[in-house]
Amino acid sequence: MHSFPNVTVDAKANVYFDGQVVSHTIHFTDGTKKTLGLIYPGKFHFGTAAPERMEIIAGSCEVILDGTTETHIIEAGSAFDVAGNSGFTIKVNDGICEYICSFLPA
């Protein structure tokens, strides 16, 4: 189980795709941030400004990184990285996929 001591949390949710993807942003004392979220069944595309690491903490998903055609199956306890100024398509077939998104240095 993950816990993050000494953080500030944005109470206002980040809501995407009519509520099918919902997250909250947490801010660390060193200035970094992460988002913690849920993805309901469906297929969604996200663009990235900065590099990101998506850690799946519950459920599973299928991911295709922009510029590729290979589908990666990501199970709970695994992660994938996305380059900055890029994107990815994520598909959840059933259940809820829970994630931690870390914004990485460029």
C-alpha atoms as a PDB file:
ATOM      1  CA  MET A   1       0.000   0.000   0.000  1.00  0.00           C
ATOM      2  CA  HIS A   2       1.231   3.482  -0.842  1.00  0.00           C
ATOM      3  CA  SER A   3       1.051   6.421   1.490  1.00  0.00           C
ATOM      4  CA  PHE A   4       2.521   9.883   1.101  1.00  0.00           C
ATOM      5  CA  PRO A   5       3.234  11.799   4.325  1.00  0.00           C
ATOM      6  CA  ASN A   6       3.526  15.582   4.486  1.00  0.00           C
ATOM      7  CA  VAL A   7       1.744  16.408   1.236  1.00  0.00           C
ATOM      8  CA  THR A   8      -0.900  18.893   0.174  1.00  0.00           C
ATOM      9  CA  VAL A   9      -3.873  17.548  -1.772  1.00  0.00           C
ATOM     10  CA  ASP A  10      -6.029  19.456  -4.240  1.00  0.00           C
ATOM     11  CA  ALA A  11      -9.593  18.713  -3.133  1.00  0.00           C
ATOM     12  CA  LYS A  12     -10.948  19.607  -6.584  1.00  0.00           C
ATOM     13  CA  ALA A  13     -10.842  16.518  -8.775  1.00  0.00           C
ATOM     14  CA  ASN A  14      -9.386  16.354 -12.277  1.00  0.00           C
ATOM     15  CA  VAL A  15     -12.292  14.872 -14.264  1.00  0.00           C
ATOM     16  CA  TYR A  16     -11.841  13.575 -17.818  1.00  0.00           C
ATOM     17  CA  PHE A  17     -14.054  11.820 -20.361  1.00  0.00           C
ATOM     18  CA  ASP A  18     -17.372  12.555 -18.626  1.00  0.00           C
ATOM     19  CA  GLY A  19     -16.154  11.144 -15.308  1.00  0.00           C
ATOM     20  CA  GLN A  20     -14.645   7.946 -16.708  1.00  0.00           C
ATOM     21  CA  VAL A  21     -11.181   9.054 -15.485  1.00  0.00           C
ATOM     22  CA  VAL A  22     -10.871  10.953 -12.194  1.00  0.00           C
ATOM     23  CA  SER A  23      -7.753  11.970 -10.264  1.00  0.00           C
ATOM     24  CA  HIS A  24      -6.538  14.213  -7.464  1.00  0.00           C
ATOM     25  CA  THR A  25      -3.206  16.037  -7.457  1.00  0.00           C
ATOM     26  CA  ILE A  26      -0.845  15.766  -4.503  1.00  0.00           C
ATOM     27  CA  HIS A  27       2.000  18.242  -3.970  1.00  0.00           C
ATOM     28  CA  PHE A  28       5.227  17.365  -2.162  1.00  0.00           C
ATOM     29  CA  THR A  29       7.340  19.749  -0.097  1.00  0.00           C
ATOM     30  CA  ASP A  30      10.144  19.551  -2.694  1.00  0.00           C
ATOM     31  CA  GLY A  31       7.837  21.011  -5.364  1.00  0.00           C
ATOM     32  CA  THR A  32       7.118  17.764  -7.211  1.00  0.00           C
ATOM     33  CA  LYS A  33       3.631  16.431  -7.742  1.00  0.00           C
ATOM     34  CA  LYS A  34       1.761  13.244  -8.540  1.00  0.00           C
ATOM     35  CA  THR A  35      -1.805  12.423  -9.407  1.00  0.00           C
ATOM     36  CA  LEU A  36      -3.755   9.541  -7.892  1.00  0.00           C
ATOM     37  CA  GLY A  37      -6.652   8.327  -9.956  1.00  0.00           C
ATOM     38  CA  LEU A  38      -9.225   5.857 -11.169  1.00  0.00           C
ATOM     39  CA  ILE A  39      -9.973   4.759 -14.719  1.00  0.00           C
ATOM     40  CA  TYR A  40     -13.321   3.116 -15.404  1.00  0.00           C
ATOM     41  CA  PRO A  41     -13.865   0.723 -18.331  1.00  0.00           C
ATOM     42  CA  GLY A  42     -13.297   2.350 -21.697  1.00  0.00           C
ATOM     43  CA  LYS A  43     -10.587   3.497 -24.085  1.00  0.00           C
ATOM     44  CA  PHE A  44      -8.981   6.924 -23.611  1.00  0.00           C
ATOM     45  CA  HIS A  45      -6.112   8.925 -25.118  1.00  0.00           C
ATOM     46  CA  PHE A  46      -3.928  11.277 -23.061  1.00  0.00           C
ATOM     47  CA  GLY A  47      -1.275  13.708 -24.224  1.00  0.00           C
ATOM     48  CA  THR A  48       1.764  14.509 -22.103  1.00  0.00           C
ATOM     49  CA  ALA A  49       3.681  17.746 -21.702  1.00  0.00           C
ATOM     50  CA  ALA A  50       6.308  16.404 -19.290  1.00  0.00           C
ATOM     51  CA  PRO A  51       7.590  12.819 -19.047  1.00  0.00           C
ATOM     52  CA  GLU A  52       5.380  10.630 -16.846  1.00  0.00           C
ATOM     53  CA  ARG A  53       5.498   7.293 -15.067  1.00  0.00           C
ATOM     54  CA  MET A  54       2.136   5.584 -14.687  1.00  0.00           C
ATOM     55  CA  GLU A  55       2.136   3.008 -11.904  1.00  0.00           C
ATOM     56  CA  ILE A  56      -0.880   0.712 -11.833  1.00  0.00           C
ATOM     57  CA  ILE A  57      -1.732  -0.089  -8.217  1.00  0.00           C
ATOM     58  CA  ALA A  58      -5.004  -2.021  -8.714  1.00  0.00           C
ATOM     59  CA  GLY A  59      -6.700  -3.583 -11.712  1.00  0.00           C
ATOM     60  CA  SER A  60      -5.134  -3.777 -15.147  1.00  0.00           C
ATOM     61  CA  CYS A  61      -5.097  -1.975 -18.470  1.00  0.00           C
ATOM     62  CA  GLU A  62      -3.843  -2.112 -22.035  1.00  0.00           C
ATOM     63  CA  VAL A  63      -1.531   0.671 -23.202  1.00  0.00           C
ATOM     64  CA  ILE A  64      -0.297   1.796 -26.617  1.00  0.00           C
ATOM     65  CA  LEU A  65       2.342   4.539 -26.547  1.00  0.00           C
ATOM     66  CA  ASP A  66       2.084   7.195 -29.265  1.00  0.00           C
ATOM     67  CA  GLY A  67       4.265   6.381 -32.255  1.00  0.00           C
ATOM     68  CA  THR A  68       3.983   2.612 -31.673  1.00  0.00           C
ATOM     69  CA  THR A  69       1.458  -0.098 -32.443  1.00  0.00           C
ATOM     70  CA  GLU A  70       2.399  -2.580 -29.709  1.00  0.00           C
ATOM     71  CA  THR A  71      -0.199  -3.164 -26.980  1.00  0.00           C
ATOM     72  CA  HIS A  72       1.276  -3.589 -23.491  1.00  0.00           C
ATOM     73  CA  ILE A  73      -0.759  -5.333 -20.792  1.00  0.00           C
ATOM     74  CA  ILE A  74      -0.066  -3.563 -17.492  1.00  0.00           C
ATOM     75  CA  GLU A  75      -1.109  -5.360 -14.308  1.00  0.00           C
ATOM     76  CA  ALA A  76      -1.244  -4.056 -10.728  1.00  0.00           C
ATOM     77  CA  GLY A  77       2.287  -3.633  -9.410  1.00  0.00           C
ATOM     78  CA  SER A  78       3.688  -2.661 -12.830  1.00  0.00           C
ATOM     79  CA  ALA A  79       4.380   0.694 -14.458  1.00  0.00           C
ATOM     80  CA  PHE A  80       5.051   2.292 -17.823  1.00  0.00           C
ATOM     81  CA  ASP A  81       6.833   5.498 -18.811  1.00  0.00           C
ATOM     82  CA  VAL A  82       5.623   8.037 -21.338  1.00  0.00           C
ATOM     83  CA  ALA A  83       7.898  10.594 -22.992  1.00  0.00           C
ATOM     84  CA  GLY A  84       7.168  14.297 -22.711  1.00  0.00           C
ATOM     85  CA  ASN A  85       5.324  15.939 -25.609  1.00  0.00           C
ATOM     86  CA  SER A  86       3.895  12.543 -26.486  1.00  0.00           C
ATOM     87  CA  GLY A  87       0.917  10.517 -25.353  1.00  0.00           C
ATOM     88  CA  PHE A  88      -0.681   7.152 -24.870  1.00  0.00           C
ATOM     89  CA  THR A  89      -3.950   5.310 -25.313  1.00  0.00           C
ATOM     90  CA  ILE A  90      -5.151   3.382 -22.289  1.00  0.00           C
ATOM     91  CA  LYS A  91      -7.937   0.812 -22.264  1.00  0.00           C
ATOM     92  CA  VAL A  92      -9.605  -0.741 -19.242  1.00  0.00           C
ATOM     93  CA  ASN A  93     -11.713  -3.750 -20.137  1.00  0.00           C
ATOM     94  CA  ASP A  94     -13.471  -4.340 -16.826  1.00  0.00           C
ATOM     95  CA  GLY A  95     -13.353  -3.255 -13.199  1.00  0.00           C
ATOM     96  CA  ILE A  96     -11.533  -0.124 -12.105  1.00  0.00           C
ATOM     97  CA  CYS A  97      -7.870   0.584 -12.789  1.00  0.00           C
ATOM     98  CA  GLU A  98      -6.193   2.623 -10.028  1.00  0.00           C
ATOM     99  CA  TYR A  99      -2.991   4.529 -10.749  1.00  0.00           C
ATOM    100  CA  ILE A 100      -0.298   6.873  -9.481  1.00  0.00           C
ATOM    101  CA  CYS A 101       1.077   9.239 -12.123  1.00  0.00           C
ATOM    102  CA  SER A 102       4.491  10.703 -11.347  1.00  0.00           C
ATOM    103  CA  PHE A 103       5.733  13.673 -13.320  1.00  0.00           C
ATOM    104  CA  LEU A 104       9.395  13.013 -14.148  1.00  0.00           C
ATOM    105  CA  PRO A 105      12.222  15.484 -14.779  1.00  0.00           C
ATOM    106  CA  ALA A 106      12.623  16.383 -18.441  1.00  0.00           C
END
